[in-house]
C-alpha atoms as a PDB file:
ATOM      1  CA  MET A   1      -0.407 -26.737  -8.686  1.00  0.00           C
ATOM      2  CA  ARG A   2      -2.225 -24.252  -5.927  1.00  0.00           C
ATOM      3  CA  ASN A   3      -4.698 -23.214  -8.305  1.00  0.00           C
ATOM      4  CA  VAL A   4      -5.803 -26.780  -7.955  1.00  0.00           C
ATOM      5  CA  LEU A   5      -6.470 -25.961  -4.281  1.00  0.00           C
ATOM      6  CA  LEU A   6      -8.440 -22.745  -4.790  1.00  0.00           C
ATOM      7  CA  ARG A   7     -11.216 -25.438  -6.501  1.00  0.00           C
ATOM      8  CA  GLN A   8     -10.592 -27.749  -3.285  1.00  0.00           C
ATOM      9  CA  ALA A   9     -10.995 -25.210  -0.831  1.00  0.00           C
ATOM     10  CA  ALA A  10     -14.291 -24.056  -2.194  1.00  0.00           C
ATOM     11  CA  ILE A  11     -15.478 -27.678  -2.241  1.00  0.00           C
ATOM     12  CA  VAL A  12     -14.747 -28.417   1.186  1.00  0.00           C
ATOM     13  CA  LEU A  13     -15.650 -24.636   2.317  1.00  0.00           C
ATOM     14  CA  SER A  14     -19.072 -24.705   0.983  1.00  0.00           C
ATOM     15  CA  SER A  15     -19.724 -28.393   2.787  1.00  0.00           C
ATOM     16  CA  VAL A  16     -19.114 -27.008   6.333  1.00  0.00           C
ATOM     17  CA  GLY A  17     -21.132 -24.009   5.491  1.00  0.00           C
ATOM     18  CA  LEU A  18     -18.563 -21.425   5.069  1.00  0.00           C
ATOM     19  CA  LEU A  19     -19.103 -17.984   3.122  1.00  0.00           C
ATOM     20  CA  LEU A  20     -16.761 -17.321   0.344  1.00  0.00           C
ATOM     21  CA  VAL A  21     -17.264 -13.725  -1.600  1.00  0.00           C
ATOM     22  CA  SER A  22     -15.694 -13.032  -4.649  1.00  0.00           C
ATOM     23  CA  PRO A  23     -16.205  -9.702  -6.764  1.00  0.00           C
ATOM     24  CA  LEU A  24     -18.913 -11.600  -9.258  1.00  0.00           C
ATOM     25  CA  ALA A  25     -20.847 -13.528  -6.642  1.00  0.00           C
ATOM     26  CA  ASP A  26     -23.561 -12.414  -4.379  1.00  0.00           C
ATOM     27  CA  ALA A  27     -22.286 -12.212  -0.522  1.00  0.00           C
ATOM     28  CA  LYS A  28     -25.499 -13.797   0.577  1.00  0.00           C
ATOM     29  CA  GLU A  29     -25.085 -17.252  -1.322  1.00  0.00           C
ATOM     30  CA  LEU A  30     -23.032 -20.196  -0.512  1.00  0.00           C
ATOM     31  CA  LEU A  31     -20.997 -22.287  -2.869  1.00  0.00           C
ATOM     32  CA  ALA A  32     -23.137 -24.903  -3.487  1.00  0.00           C
ATOM     33  CA  SER A  33     -23.134 -25.175  -6.950  1.00  0.00           C
ATOM     34  CA  ASP A  34     -20.447 -26.453  -9.422  1.00  0.00           C
ATOM     35  CA  ALA A  35     -20.739 -22.957 -11.346  1.00  0.00           C
ATOM     36  CA  SER A  36     -20.608 -20.829  -8.293  1.00  0.00           C
ATOM     37  CA  LYS A  37     -17.359 -22.528  -7.052  1.00  0.00           C
ATOM     38  CA  GLN A  38     -15.820 -21.749 -11.211  1.00  0.00           C
ATOM     39  CA  ILE A  39     -16.967 -18.446 -10.333  1.00  0.00           C
ATOM     40  CA  ALA A  40     -15.143 -18.029  -7.409  1.00  0.00           C
ATOM     41  CA  GLU A  41     -12.234 -19.330  -9.226  1.00  0.00           C
ATOM     42  CA  ASP A  42     -12.453 -17.085 -12.103  1.00  0.00           C
ATOM     43  CA  ALA A  43     -12.944 -13.965 -10.204  1.00  0.00           C
ATOM     44  CA  SER A  44      -9.565 -14.698  -7.748  1.00  0.00           C
ATOM     45  CA  VAL A  45      -7.930 -15.187 -11.411  1.00  0.00           C
ATOM     46  CA  ARG A  46      -9.120 -12.039 -12.782  1.00  0.00           C
ATOM     47  CA  LEU A  47      -8.200 -10.329  -9.203  1.00  0.00           C
ATOM     48  CA  ALA A  48      -4.493 -10.696 -10.252  1.00  0.00           C
ATOM     49  CA  PHE A  49      -4.758  -9.962 -13.697  1.00  0.00           C
ATOM     50  CA  THR A  50      -1.834  -7.964 -15.679  1.00  0.00           C
ATOM     51  CA  PRO A  51      -1.533  -8.311 -19.230  1.00  0.00           C
ATOM     52  CA  LYS A  52       1.543 -10.522 -20.058  1.00  0.00           C
ATOM     53  CA  GLU A  53       2.360  -8.229 -23.204  1.00  0.00           C
ATOM     54  CA  GLY A  54       1.936  -4.950 -23.435  1.00  0.00           C
ATOM     55  CA  VAL A  55       2.622  -1.922 -21.401  1.00  0.00           C
ATOM     56  CA  VAL A  56       0.965  -1.227 -17.935  1.00  0.00           C
ATOM     57  CA  ASN A  57       1.037   2.264 -16.711  1.00  0.00           C
ATOM     58  CA  VAL A  58       1.963   2.220 -13.086  1.00  0.00           C
ATOM     59  CA  ASP A  59       0.256   5.551 -11.208  1.00  0.00           C
ATOM     60  CA  LEU A  60      -0.905   6.563  -7.815  1.00  0.00           C
ATOM     61  CA  SER A  61      -3.961   4.382  -8.262  1.00  0.00           C
ATOM     62  CA  HIS A  62      -1.994   1.261  -9.233  1.00  0.00           C
ATOM     63  CA  VAL A  63       0.267   1.655  -6.339  1.00  0.00           C
ATOM     64  CA  ARG A  64      -2.724   2.205  -4.164  1.00  0.00           C
ATOM     65  CA  ASP A  65      -3.575  -0.904  -5.390  1.00  0.00           C
ATOM     66  CA  TRP A  66      -0.879  -2.631  -4.427  1.00  0.00           C
ATOM     67  CA  GLY A  67      -1.392  -1.473  -1.035  1.00  0.00           C
ATOM     68  CA  LEU A  68      -4.880  -2.681  -0.396  1.00  0.00           C
ATOM     69  CA  ALA A  69      -3.150  -5.921  -1.878  1.00  0.00           C
ATOM     70  CA  VAL A  70      -0.465  -6.299   0.519  1.00  0.00           C
ATOM     71  CA  ARG A  71      -3.070  -4.746   3.574  1.00  0.00           C
ATOM     72  CA  GLN A  72      -5.619  -8.156   2.598  1.00  0.00           C
ATOM     73  CA  LEU A  73      -2.409 -10.006   2.579  1.00  0.00           C
ATOM     74  CA  LYS A  74      -1.385  -9.022   6.064  1.00  0.00           C
ATOM     75  CA  GLU A  75      -4.944 -10.149   7.299  1.00  0.00           C
ATOM     76  CA  GLN A  76      -5.118 -13.451   6.131  1.00  0.00           C
ATOM     77  CA  ALA A  77      -1.512 -13.696   7.504  1.00  0.00           C
ATOM     78  CA  MET A  78      -3.639 -12.914  11.092  1.00  0.00           C
ATOM     79  CA  ASN A  79      -6.378 -15.288  10.168  1.00  0.00           C
ATOM     80  CA  LEU A  80      -3.575 -18.035   9.540  1.00  0.00           C
ATOM     81  CA  TYR A  81      -2.405 -17.344  12.909  1.00  0.00           C
ATOM     82  CA  ILE A  82      -5.492 -17.313  14.851  1.00  0.00           C
ATOM     83  CA  GLU A  83      -6.359 -20.438  13.143  1.00  0.00           C
ATOM     84  CA  ALA A  84      -2.834 -22.268  14.198  1.00  0.00           C
ATOM     85  CA  THR A  85      -3.440 -21.124  17.519  1.00  0.00           C
ATOM     86  CA  ARG A  86      -7.162 -21.564  18.572  1.00  0.00           C
ATOM     87  CA  ILE A  87      -7.888 -23.047  21.486  1.00  0.00           C
ATOM     88  CA  LYS A  88     -11.377 -24.867  22.271  1.00  0.00           C
ATOM     89  CA  PRO A  89     -13.609 -22.252  24.274  1.00  0.00           C
ATOM     90  CA  THR A  90     -14.931 -22.689  27.797  1.00  0.00           C
ATOM     91  CA  PRO A  91     -18.320 -21.452  29.379  1.00  0.00           C
ATOM     92  CA  ASP A  92     -16.151 -18.713  31.191  1.00  0.00           C
ATOM     93  CA  ASP A  93     -15.330 -17.639  27.668  1.00  0.00           C
ATOM     94  CA  SER A  94     -17.412 -14.507  26.121  1.00  0.00           C
ATOM     95  CA  SER A  95     -18.805 -14.409  22.952  1.00  0.00           C
ATOM     96  CA  ASP A  96     -16.310 -11.773  21.515  1.00  0.00           C
ATOM     97  CA  ILE A  97     -13.579 -12.906  19.301  1.00  0.00           C
ATOM     98  CA  LYS A  98     -10.334 -11.790  20.075  1.00  0.00           C
ATOM     99  CA  VAL A  99      -7.700 -10.528  17.593  1.00  0.00           C
ATOM    100  CA  PRO A 100      -4.426 -10.055  18.881  1.00  0.00           C
ATOM    101  CA  GLU A 101      -2.547  -7.412  17.920  1.00  0.00           C
ATOM    102  CA  SER A 102       0.595  -9.231  16.322  1.00  0.00           C
ATOM    103  CA  ILE A 103       1.542 -12.376  15.661  1.00  0.00           C
ATOM    104  CA  SER A 104       3.508 -14.107  18.473  1.00  0.00           C
ATOM    105  CA  THR A 105       5.882 -16.940  17.590  1.00  0.00           C
ATOM    106  CA  SER A 106       6.171 -18.237  21.491  1.00  0.00           C
ATOM    107  CA  LYS A 107       5.042 -21.787  22.677  1.00  0.00           C
ATOM    108  CA  PRO A 108       1.383 -21.270  24.382  1.00  0.00           C
ATOM    109  CA  SER A 109       1.116 -22.913  27.770  1.00  0.00           C
ATOM    110  CA  GLU A 110       0.125 -26.313  28.182  1.00  0.00           C
ATOM    111  CA  SER A 111      -3.480 -24.930  29.542  1.00  0.00           C
ATOM    112  CA  SER A 112      -3.885 -23.125  26.457  1.00  0.00           C
ATOM    113  CA  LYS A 113      -2.776 -26.014  23.904  1.00  0.00           C
ATOM    114  CA  SER A 114      -4.132 -25.070  20.322  1.00  0.00           C
ATOM    115  CA  LEU A 115      -6.466 -27.245  18.283  1.00  0.00           C
ATOM    116  CA  PRO A 116      -5.079 -28.933  15.313  1.00  0.00           C
ATOM    117  CA  PRO A 117      -5.441 -27.163  12.294  1.00  0.00           C
ATOM    118  CA  ARG A 118      -8.416 -27.461   9.947  1.00  0.00           C
ATOM    119  CA  THR A 119      -6.867 -28.519   6.711  1.00  0.00           C
ATOM    120  CA  GLU A 120      -9.946 -26.506   4.659  1.00  0.00           C
ATOM    121  CA  TRP A 121      -9.286 -23.349   6.457  1.00  0.00           C
ATOM    122  CA  VAL A 122      -5.735 -23.417   5.481  1.00  0.00           C
ATOM    123  CA  ALA A 123      -6.456 -23.813   1.990  1.00  0.00           C
ATOM    124  CA  TYR A 124      -9.016 -21.008   1.738  1.00  0.00           C
ATOM    125  CA  TYR A 125      -6.400 -18.733   3.453  1.00  0.00           C
ATOM    126  CA  LEU A 126      -3.497 -19.942   0.946  1.00  0.00           C
ATOM    127  CA  ASN A 127      -5.923 -19.390  -2.170  1.00  0.00           C
ATOM    128  CA  SER A 128      -6.786 -16.190  -1.314  1.00  0.00           C
ATOM    129  CA  MET A 129      -3.219 -14.931  -0.598  1.00  0.00           C
ATOM    130  CA  GLU A 130      -1.915 -16.309  -3.661  1.00  0.00           C
ATOM    131  CA  PRO A 131      -3.984 -13.828  -5.865  1.00  0.00           C
ATOM    132  CA  LEU A 132      -3.024 -10.907  -4.209  1.00  0.00           C
ATOM    133  CA  MET A 133       0.695 -11.670  -4.727  1.00  0.00           C
ATOM    134  CA  GLN A 134       0.061 -12.287  -8.323  1.00  0.00           C
ATOM    135  CA  PHE A 135      -1.280  -8.601  -8.194  1.00  0.00           C
ATOM    136  CA  VAL A 136       1.673  -7.172  -6.912  1.00  0.00           C
ATOM    137  CA  THR A 137       4.574  -9.171  -8.389  1.00  0.00           C
ATOM    138  CA  SER A 138       3.152  -9.246 -12.053  1.00  0.00           C
ATOM    139  CA  SER A 139       3.931  -5.368 -12.485  1.00  0.00           C
ATOM    140  CA  LEU A 140       6.873  -5.775 -10.775  1.00  0.00           C
ATOM    141  CA  ARG A 141       8.330  -7.981 -13.233  1.00  0.00           C
ATOM    142  CA  ALA A 142       8.536  -5.196 -15.365  1.00  0.00           C
ATOM    143  CA  SER A 143       9.371  -5.994 -19.295  1.00  0.00           C
ATOM    144  CA  GLU A 144      10.350  -9.704 -18.307  1.00  0.00           C
ATOM    145  CA  GLY A 145      11.155 -11.489 -21.451  1.00  0.00           C
ATOM    146  CA  GLY A 146      11.121  -8.410 -23.270  1.00  0.00           C
ATOM    147  CA  LYS A 147       7.062  -8.622 -23.476  1.00  0.00           C
ATOM    148  CA  LEU A 148       6.080  -6.667 -20.560  1.00  0.00           C
ATOM    149  CA  LEU A 149       7.028  -2.671 -20.224  1.00  0.00           C
ATOM    150  CA  VAL A 150       6.037  -0.757 -17.330  1.00  0.00           C
ATOM    151  CA  SER A 151       5.444   3.030 -17.711  1.00  0.00           C
ATOM    152  CA  VAL A 152       5.870   5.492 -15.009  1.00  0.00           C
ATOM    153  CA  PRO A 153       5.853   9.752 -14.508  1.00  0.00           C
ATOM    154  CA  LYS A 154       8.742  10.821 -17.086  1.00  0.00           C
ATOM    155  CA  GLY A 155      11.956  11.269 -15.041  1.00  0.00           C
ATOM    156  CA  THR A 156      11.296   9.040 -12.637  1.00  0.00           C
ATOM    157  CA  SER A 157      12.586   5.867 -13.435  1.00  0.00           C
ATOM    158  CA  ALA A 158      15.855   6.114 -12.345  1.00  0.00           C
ATOM    159  CA  GLU A 159      14.763   6.591  -8.453  1.00  0.00           C
ATOM    160  CA  LEU A 160      11.781   4.076  -9.088  1.00  0.00           C
ATOM    161  CA  ARG A 161      13.992   1.224 -10.303  1.00  0.00           C
ATOM    162  CA  PRO A 162      15.928   0.576  -7.037  1.00  0.00           C
ATOM    163  CA  ILE A 163      12.609   0.927  -5.144  1.00  0.00           C
ATOM    164  CA  GLY A 164      11.044  -1.670  -7.526  1.00  0.00           C
ATOM    165  CA  ASP A 165      14.001  -3.926  -7.491  1.00  0.00           C
ATOM    166  CA  GLN A 166      13.743  -4.621  -3.706  1.00  0.00           C
ATOM    167  CA  MET A 167       9.827  -4.622  -4.117  1.00  0.00           C
ATOM    168  CA  TYR A 168      10.215  -7.425  -6.135  1.00  0.00           C
ATOM    169  CA  ALA A 169      12.918  -9.042  -3.748  1.00  0.00           C
ATOM    170  CA  VAL A 170      10.606  -9.218  -0.834  1.00  0.00           C
ATOM    171  CA  SER A 171       7.526 -10.448  -3.161  1.00  0.00           C
ATOM    172  CA  HIS A 172       9.435 -13.158  -4.372  1.00  0.00           C
ATOM    173  CA  GLN A 173      10.359 -14.296  -1.009  1.00  0.00           C
ATOM    174  CA  LEU A 174       6.440 -13.632   0.012  1.00  0.00           C
ATOM    175  CA  GLU A 175       5.908 -16.178  -2.876  1.00  0.00           C
ATOM    176  CA  GLY A 176       8.360 -18.806  -1.777  1.00  0.00           C
ATOM    177  CA  TYR A 177       6.321 -18.921   1.841  1.00  0.00           C
ATOM    178  CA  LEU A 178       3.239 -19.661  -0.509  1.00  0.00           C
ATOM    179  CA  ASP A 179       4.993 -22.503  -1.391  1.00  0.00           C
ATOM    180  CA  MET A 180       5.830 -23.492   2.265  1.00  0.00           C
ATOM    181  CA  LEU A 181       2.449 -22.745   2.776  1.00  0.00           C
ATOM    182  CA  ASN A 182       1.009 -25.559   0.063  1.00  0.00           C
ATOM    183  CA  ASP A 183       3.424 -27.841   1.601  1.00  0.00           C
ATOM    184  CA  ILE A 184       2.350 -27.585   4.998  1.00  0.00           C
ATOM    185  CA  PHE A 185      -1.444 -28.142   3.422  1.00  0.00           C
ATOM    186  CA  ASN A 186      -0.494 -31.388   1.897  1.00  0.00           C
ATOM    187  CA  GLN A 187       0.708 -33.011   5.218  1.00  0.00           C
ATOM    188  CA  GLU A 188      -1.605 -35.487   6.688  1.00  0.00           C
ATOM    189  CA  GLN A 189      -2.200 -33.025   9.499  1.00  0.00           C
ATOM    190  CA  PRO A 190      -1.039 -29.643   9.290  1.00  0.00           C
ATOM    191  CA  SER A 191       1.524 -28.180  12.036  1.00  0.00           C
ATOM    192  CA  GLY A 192       0.111 -25.408  14.007  1.00  0.00           C
ATOM    193  CA  ASP A 193       3.943 -24.496  14.887  1.00  0.00           C
ATOM    194  CA  LYS A 194       4.639 -24.405  11.181  1.00  0.00           C
ATOM    195  CA  LEU A 195       1.579 -22.242  10.666  1.00  0.00           C
ATOM    196  CA  THR A 196       2.288 -19.979  13.038  1.00  0.00           C
ATOM    197  CA  ASP A 197       6.114 -19.222  12.098  1.00  0.00           C
ATOM    198  CA  LEU A 198       4.980 -18.693   8.555  1.00  0.00           C
ATOM    199  CA  SER A 199       2.055 -16.828   9.452  1.00  0.00           C
ATOM    200  CA  ALA A 200       4.598 -14.103  11.363  1.00  0.00           C
ATOM    201  CA  LYS A 201       7.311 -14.404   8.160  1.00  0.00           C
ATOM    202  CA  ILE A 202       4.084 -13.617   5.677  1.00  0.00           C
ATOM    203  CA  SER A 203       3.220 -10.450   7.908  1.00  0.00           C
ATOM    204  CA  ASP A 204       6.699  -9.124   8.682  1.00  0.00           C
ATOM    205  CA  ASP A 205       7.757  -9.528   4.852  1.00  0.00           C
ATOM    206  CA  ALA A 206       4.167  -7.655   3.939  1.00  0.00           C
ATOM    207  CA  SER A 207       4.840  -4.862   6.475  1.00  0.00           C
ATOM    208  CA  LYS A 208       8.561  -4.632   4.608  1.00  0.00           C
ATOM    209  CA  LEU A 209       6.795  -4.496   1.394  1.00  0.00           C
ATOM    210  CA  GLU A 210       4.602  -1.951   2.325  1.00  0.00           C
ATOM    211  CA  GLY A 211       6.966   0.353   3.466  1.00  0.00           C
ATOM    212  CA  LEU A 212       8.441   0.162   0.167  1.00  0.00           C
ATOM    213  CA  ARG A 213       5.399   0.804  -1.759  1.00  0.00           C
ATOM    214  CA  LYS A 214       4.888   3.418   0.051  1.00  0.00           C
ATOM    215  CA  GLN A 215       8.450   4.967  -1.366  1.00  0.00           C
ATOM    216  CA  TYR A 216       7.514   4.131  -4.670  1.00  0.00           C
ATOM    217  CA  TYR A 217       4.092   6.113  -3.860  1.00  0.00           C
ATOM    218  CA  GLU A 218       5.606   8.985  -2.974  1.00  0.00           C
ATOM    219  CA  VAL A 219       8.150   9.057  -6.170  1.00  0.00           C
ATOM    220  CA  ILE A 220       4.986   9.170  -8.706  1.00  0.00           C
ATOM    221  CA  ARG A 221       2.922  11.678  -6.056  1.00  0.00           C
ATOM    222  CA  LYS A 222       5.821  14.355  -6.339  1.00  0.00           C
ATOM    223  CA  ALA A 223       6.047  13.844 -10.068  1.00  0.00           C
ATOM    224  CA  GLU A 224       2.502  14.150 -10.427  1.00  0.00           C
ATOM    225  CA  LYS A 225       1.897  17.172  -8.330  1.00  0.00           C
ATOM    226  CA  ASN A 226       4.639  18.917 -10.018  1.00  0.00           C
ATOM    227  CA  GLY A 227       2.816  18.485 -13.380  1.00  0.00           C
ATOM    228  CA  VAL A 228       4.343  15.716 -14.915  1.00  0.00           C
ATOM    229  CA  THR A 229       2.009  14.263 -17.435  1.00  0.00           C
ATOM    230  CA  GLU A 230       4.181  12.445 -19.818  1.00  0.00           C
ATOM    231  CA  THR A 231       5.320   8.632 -18.787  1.00  0.00           C
ATOM    232  CA  GLU A 232       8.503   6.850 -19.717  1.00  0.00           C
ATOM    233  CA  ILE A 233       9.478   2.936 -19.801  1.00  0.00           C
ATOM    234  CA  VAL A 234      11.145   1.754 -16.958  1.00  0.00           C
ATOM    235  CA  PRO A 235      14.623  -0.004 -18.675  1.00  0.00           C
ATOM    236  CA  ARG A 236      14.597  -3.582 -19.526  1.00  0.00           C
ATOM    237  CA  GLY A 237      15.919  -5.907 -17.158  1.00  0.00           C
ATOM    238  CA  SER A 238      15.175  -4.191 -14.037  1.00  0.00           C
ATOM    239  CA  GLN A 239      13.889  -7.301 -12.235  1.00  0.00           C
END
């Protein structure tokens, strides 16, 4: 369902002049044609790609990339919050874009009443977060159905398994938040209060996920530092 929104978001965003950057698209080009919209969609899918069958080697580079994905997820949660709480500028306001240090769920004063969230921006943030989540969760679904196997440094699977289970639980909850965000998007007018609350939950759980990811990284780092070069498969049914 949300893949359809990616196409819709690209169409609407290009019509309002927003720049959508993808690994395969020139950053100076707008999504003005059907071909460029398709490139953006395909690039988004490739970002999240992990084989559904075979062996995935989860090494330091792979766990670092999880961190990059989580970092961008938190950034998009903040962008969603900014969209939900934006107010109309006045002549007294400077040109600086103010980004808050954290997401607050407290209600704004009547004098700074937020503008209605724009559907096309909500769609963009939703569809940029989904492939990031897919990238993290795909490897955590170790050997789901017996088709995907995850290899880690030999002697670490027993320690990594419970960390991975916790990461998967948080990731699964984050995926649920994206489903809720999709429901908000489908409303005639997205609710700013609901977006604010949801952006805070996404940011908080992304922080939990990052803490667990660091634990996972440390286990693999110590093994590699001790010269472990052989690998082992994480036992099936761990997630």
